[in-house]
Amino acid sequence: MKAHPAGQLIVMGVPGPKITDGLRDLIRRVQPGGFIFFTRNMAEAAQFHGLVKECADLLEHPAIMTVDQEGG
């Protein structure tokens, strides 16, 4: 699939600690420029590492991976 330049302007959030089949399909179609992760995405270190890797693996280009940090 060819990456969509407009999609690369999007930094996408993930609603939970796992990627659903529907979200997986959306990521493949949109090809966002990156992802932002929140506390809701982090159950434990190994799980979070797997989530970040899966997000990156769904893209046809390098992604910006960001983490929300508040309170200090």
Protein backbone atom coordinates (compact mmCIF):
# COMPACT_ATOMS: atom_id res chain seq x y z
CA MET A 1 0.00 0.00 0.00
CA LYS A 2 1.30 3.46 -0.87
CA ALA A 3 1.61 5.86 2.05
CA HIS A 4 -0.75 8.83 1.99
CA PRO A 5 1.05 12.16 2.47
CA ALA A 6 -1.97 13.68 4.27
CA GLY A 7 -2.03 10.80 6.74
CA GLN A 8 1.54 11.55 7.71
CA LEU A 9 0.36 14.85 9.20
CA ILE A 10 -1.64 12.92 11.82
CA VAL A 11 -0.34 11.81 15.21
CA MET A 12 -2.80 9.11 16.24
CA GLY A 13 -3.76 8.00 19.73
CA VAL A 14 -4.55 4.40 20.65
CA PRO A 15 -7.59 3.88 22.91
CA GLY A 16 -6.18 1.11 25.10
CA PRO A 17 -3.31 -1.29 25.77
CA LYS A 18 -3.99 -3.39 22.63
CA ILE A 19 -4.70 -2.72 18.98
CA THR A 20 -8.02 -4.07 17.73
CA ASP A 21 -8.45 -5.51 14.24
CA GLY A 22 -10.44 -2.43 13.22
CA LEU A 23 -7.77 -0.04 14.45
CA ARG A 24 -5.07 -2.13 12.76
CA ASP A 25 -6.90 -1.75 9.44
CA LEU A 26 -7.34 2.00 9.99
CA ILE A 27 -3.63 2.47 10.73
CA ARG A 28 -2.69 0.55 7.56
CA ARG A 29 -5.05 2.70 5.46
CA VAL A 30 -4.25 6.12 6.95
CA GLN A 31 -0.50 5.64 7.50
CA PRO A 32 -0.25 8.30 10.25
CA GLY A 33 2.99 10.17 10.85
CA GLY A 34 3.16 8.90 14.41
CA PHE A 35 1.44 7.96 17.62
CA ILE A 36 0.87 9.45 21.06
CA PHE A 37 0.62 7.12 24.04
CA PHE A 38 -1.04 7.77 27.39
CA THR A 39 -1.29 5.95 30.73
CA ARG A 40 -4.23 3.96 29.32
CA ASN A 41 -1.79 2.33 26.88
CA MET A 42 0.66 1.12 29.53
CA ALA A 43 -0.20 -1.99 31.54
CA GLU A 44 3.42 -3.11 31.98
CA ALA A 45 6.77 -2.49 30.27
CA ALA A 46 6.79 -5.58 28.01
CA GLN A 47 3.20 -4.97 26.90
CA PHE A 48 3.92 -1.31 26.12
CA HIS A 49 7.05 -2.22 24.17
CA GLY A 50 4.98 -4.66 22.10
CA LEU A 51 2.31 -2.03 21.45
CA VAL A 52 4.86 0.52 20.23
CA LYS A 53 6.53 -2.09 18.02
CA GLU A 54 3.20 -3.20 16.54
CA CYS A 55 2.28 0.41 15.74
CA ALA A 56 5.63 0.95 14.02
CA ASP A 57 5.38 -2.32 12.10
CA LEU A 58 2.01 -1.32 10.61
CA LEU A 59 3.55 1.71 8.89
CA GLU A 60 5.43 1.92 5.63
CA HIS A 61 7.60 4.79 6.89
CA PRO A 62 9.43 5.76 10.09
CA ALA A 63 7.07 7.11 12.76
CA ILE A 64 7.26 9.69 15.49
CA MET A 65 6.41 8.00 18.81
CA THR A 66 5.39 10.34 21.63
CA VAL A 67 4.36 9.82 25.25
CA ASP A 68 2.12 12.18 27.21
CA GLN A 69 3.75 13.28 30.46
CA GLU A 70 2.05 15.44 33.04
CA GLY A 71 2.71 16.44 36.58
CA GLY A 72 6.33 17.19 36.60
